[in-house]
Amino acid sequence: MLRGMWAGVDRGRWGDKESRYAELFRRLRLRSGGVALEVGCGTGGASRLLAQVVEGVRVIGVDPSRLAV
C-alpha cells in the first residue's frame, strides 16, 4: 500500500526526508482523532513528524531495540 502512495510524488521537489514523510502522511488521509501505529520506529523521528503534520492524531511507536524509543 505505501509503495503506491509515492506514485506521482516529484522526488526532486520532495528531496529531503522530512518533506517526503510529510507528503506521505498527508496522502494517508489520517484525521484528527485517528490512531497510527509505527512498528520499528527507532528513535521515533517519523512518529514525531506524523504527530506534527496531522493535528489530533494519536501516534504509537514501538521498536524491539532497548536503545531506540
N, C-alpha and C. Protein backbone atom coordinates (compact mmCIF):
# COMPACT_ATOMS: atom_id res chain seq x y z
N MET A 1 0.82 -1.19 0.00
CA MET A 1 0.00 0.00 0.00
C MET A 1 0.87 1.26 0.00
N LEU A 2 1.85 1.33 0.88
CA LEU A 2 2.64 2.55 0.99
C LEU A 2 3.47 2.81 -0.27
N ARG A 3 3.92 1.75 -0.93
CA ARG A 3 4.70 1.94 -2.14
C ARG A 3 3.89 2.75 -3.15
N GLY A 4 2.62 2.44 -3.32
CA GLY A 4 1.76 3.17 -4.24
C GLY A 4 1.50 4.60 -3.80
N MET A 5 1.67 4.88 -2.52
CA MET A 5 1.44 6.23 -2.02
C MET A 5 2.44 7.20 -2.60
N TRP A 6 3.62 6.71 -3.02
CA TRP A 6 4.66 7.59 -3.56
C TRP A 6 4.42 7.91 -5.03
N ALA A 7 3.50 7.22 -5.68
CA ALA A 7 3.26 7.45 -7.10
C ALA A 7 2.89 8.91 -7.35
N GLY A 8 3.54 9.52 -8.28
CA GLY A 8 3.25 10.90 -8.63
C GLY A 8 3.97 11.93 -7.79
N VAL A 9 4.73 11.52 -6.81
CA VAL A 9 5.47 12.48 -5.99
C VAL A 9 6.76 12.82 -6.72
N ASP A 10 6.96 14.09 -6.97
CA ASP A 10 8.18 14.57 -7.62
C ASP A 10 9.31 14.48 -6.61
N ARG A 11 10.20 13.51 -6.80
CA ARG A 11 11.26 13.29 -5.81
C ARG A 11 12.24 14.45 -5.77
N GLY A 12 12.34 15.20 -6.84
CA GLY A 12 13.18 16.38 -6.79
C GLY A 12 12.59 17.42 -5.86
N ARG A 13 11.29 17.60 -5.96
CA ARG A 13 10.60 18.56 -5.10
C ARG A 13 10.62 18.10 -3.65
N TRP A 14 10.46 16.81 -3.44
CA TRP A 14 10.41 16.26 -2.09
C TRP A 14 11.74 15.59 -1.77
N GLY A 15 12.82 16.26 -2.06
CA GLY A 15 14.14 15.68 -1.92
C GLY A 15 14.57 15.39 -0.50
N ASP A 16 14.20 16.23 0.43
CA ASP A 16 14.64 15.95 1.80
C ASP A 16 13.67 15.00 2.49
N LYS A 17 14.20 14.20 3.37
CA LYS A 17 13.45 13.13 4.03
C LYS A 17 12.21 13.64 4.75
N GLU A 18 12.34 14.72 5.48
CA GLU A 18 11.21 15.23 6.25
C GLU A 18 10.05 15.62 5.33
N SER A 19 10.34 16.26 4.23
CA SER A 19 9.29 16.65 3.29
C SER A 19 8.62 15.44 2.66
N ARG A 20 9.41 14.40 2.34
CA ARG A 20 8.83 13.18 1.76
C ARG A 20 7.90 12.51 2.75
N TYR A 21 8.31 12.42 4.01
CA TYR A 21 7.43 11.83 5.02
C TYR A 21 6.16 12.66 5.20
N ALA A 22 6.31 13.96 5.27
CA ALA A 22 5.14 14.83 5.45
C ALA A 22 4.15 14.63 4.32
N GLU A 23 4.63 14.53 3.09
CA GLU A 23 3.75 14.30 1.95
C GLU A 23 3.07 12.94 2.05
N LEU A 24 3.82 11.92 2.45
CA LEU A 24 3.24 10.60 2.62
C LEU A 24 2.13 10.62 3.67
N PHE A 25 2.36 11.28 4.79
CA PHE A 25 1.36 11.34 5.85
C PHE A 25 0.10 12.04 5.38
N ARG A 26 0.25 13.08 4.59
CA ARG A 26 -0.94 13.76 4.04
C ARG A 26 -1.73 12.82 3.14
N ARG A 27 -1.02 12.02 2.36
CA ARG A 27 -1.68 11.09 1.44
C ARG A 27 -2.38 9.94 2.15
N LEU A 28 -2.00 9.64 3.37
CA LEU A 28 -2.66 8.58 4.13
C LEU A 28 -4.06 8.98 4.57
N ARG A 29 -4.35 10.26 4.52
CA ARG A 29 -5.67 10.80 4.86
C ARG A 29 -6.08 10.50 6.30
N LEU A 30 -5.12 10.56 7.20
CA LEU A 30 -5.41 10.40 8.61
C LEU A 30 -6.16 11.63 9.10
N ARG A 31 -7.03 11.44 10.03
CA ARG A 31 -7.85 12.54 10.55
C ARG A 31 -7.61 12.71 12.05
N SER A 32 -7.96 13.88 12.52
CA SER A 32 -7.91 14.15 13.94
C SER A 32 -8.75 13.10 14.67
N GLY A 33 -8.20 12.56 15.75
CA GLY A 33 -8.89 11.51 16.49
C GLY A 33 -8.50 10.12 16.04
N GLY A 34 -7.78 10.02 14.91
CA GLY A 34 -7.33 8.72 14.41
C GLY A 34 -6.11 8.23 15.17
N VAL A 35 -5.74 6.99 14.91
CA VAL A 35 -4.59 6.37 15.57
C VAL A 35 -3.67 5.79 14.49
N ALA A 36 -2.37 6.02 14.65
CA ALA A 36 -1.37 5.47 13.76
C ALA A 36 -0.36 4.67 14.58
N LEU A 37 0.00 3.50 14.09
CA LEU A 37 0.99 2.65 14.75
C LEU A 37 2.20 2.55 13.84
N GLU A 38 3.36 2.91 14.36
CA GLU A 38 4.61 2.74 13.63
C GLU A 38 5.40 1.63 14.29
N VAL A 39 5.57 0.54 13.58
CA VAL A 39 6.33 -0.61 14.09
C VAL A 39 7.76 -0.48 13.58
N GLY A 40 8.71 -0.60 14.51
CA GLY A 40 10.11 -0.41 14.14
C GLY A 40 10.44 1.07 14.02
N CYS A 41 9.98 1.85 14.98
CA CYS A 41 10.08 3.31 14.90
C CYS A 41 11.46 3.87 15.20
N GLY A 42 12.37 3.04 15.68
CA GLY A 42 13.70 3.56 16.01
C GLY A 42 13.60 4.62 17.08
N THR A 43 14.18 5.77 16.82
CA THR A 43 14.14 6.84 17.81
C THR A 43 12.87 7.68 17.73
N GLY A 44 11.97 7.34 16.83
CA GLY A 44 10.67 7.99 16.78
C GLY A 44 10.58 9.25 15.94
N GLY A 45 11.56 9.49 15.10
CA GLY A 45 11.54 10.71 14.28
C GLY A 45 10.33 10.81 13.38
N ALA A 46 10.00 9.73 12.69
CA ALA A 46 8.83 9.75 11.79
C ALA A 46 7.54 9.86 12.60
N SER A 47 7.50 9.22 13.75
CA SER A 47 6.30 9.29 14.60
C SER A 47 6.07 10.73 15.08
N ARG A 48 7.14 11.40 15.48
CA ARG A 48 7.01 12.79 15.92
C ARG A 48 6.54 13.68 14.78
N LEU A 49 7.10 13.47 13.59
CA LEU A 49 6.70 14.27 12.43
C LEU A 49 5.24 14.04 12.09
N LEU A 50 4.80 12.78 12.15
CA LEU A 50 3.39 12.48 11.88
C LEU A 50 2.49 13.22 12.85
N ALA A 51 2.84 13.25 14.12
CA ALA A 51 2.03 13.95 15.12
C ALA A 51 1.99 15.45 14.83
N GLN A 52 3.03 16.00 14.24
CA GLN A 52 3.06 17.42 13.89
C GLN A 52 2.26 17.71 12.63
N VAL A 53 2.36 16.82 11.64
CA VAL A 53 1.71 17.04 10.35
C VAL A 53 0.21 16.84 10.43
N VAL A 54 -0.23 15.83 11.18
CA VAL A 54 -1.66 15.52 11.29
C VAL A 54 -2.12 15.87 12.70
N GLU A 55 -2.68 17.03 12.84
CA GLU A 55 -3.11 17.52 14.15
C GLU A 55 -4.20 16.62 14.74
N GLY A 56 -4.01 16.24 16.00
CA GLY A 56 -5.02 15.46 16.72
C GLY A 56 -4.94 13.96 16.51
N VAL A 57 -3.96 13.48 15.74
CA VAL A 57 -3.81 12.04 15.56
C VAL A 57 -2.98 11.48 16.72
N ARG A 58 -3.35 10.30 17.18
CA ARG A 58 -2.60 9.63 18.26
C ARG A 58 -1.59 8.71 17.59
N VAL A 59 -0.33 8.88 17.91
CA VAL A 59 0.73 8.09 17.29
C VAL A 59 1.37 7.18 18.33
N ILE A 60 1.46 5.91 18.00
CA ILE A 60 2.09 4.92 18.88
C ILE A 60 3.29 4.37 18.13
N GLY A 61 4.47 4.46 18.72
CA GLY A 61 5.66 3.92 18.10
C GLY A 61 6.23 2.81 18.97
N VAL A 62 6.58 1.69 18.35
CA VAL A 62 7.18 0.57 19.07
C VAL A 62 8.43 0.12 18.32
N ASP A 63 9.43 -0.34 19.06
CA ASP A 63 10.66 -0.83 18.48
C ASP A 63 11.24 -1.88 19.41
N PRO A 64 11.75 -2.98 18.85
CA PRO A 64 12.30 -4.03 19.72
C PRO A 64 13.62 -3.67 20.39
N SER A 65 14.28 -2.63 19.92
CA SER A 65 15.58 -2.26 20.47
C SER A 65 15.41 -1.45 21.76
N ARG A 66 16.14 -1.82 22.77
CA ARG A 66 16.11 -1.08 24.02
C ARG A 66 16.80 0.28 23.87
N LEU A 67 17.63 0.41 22.85
CA LEU A 67 18.35 1.66 22.61
C LEU A 67 17.54 2.65 21.81
N ALA A 68 16.40 2.22 21.27
CA ALA A 68 15.59 3.08 20.42
C ALA A 68 14.69 3.97 21.26
N VAL A 69 13.39 3.76 21.19
CA VAL A 69 12.41 4.60 21.87
C VAL A 69 12.77 4.81 23.26
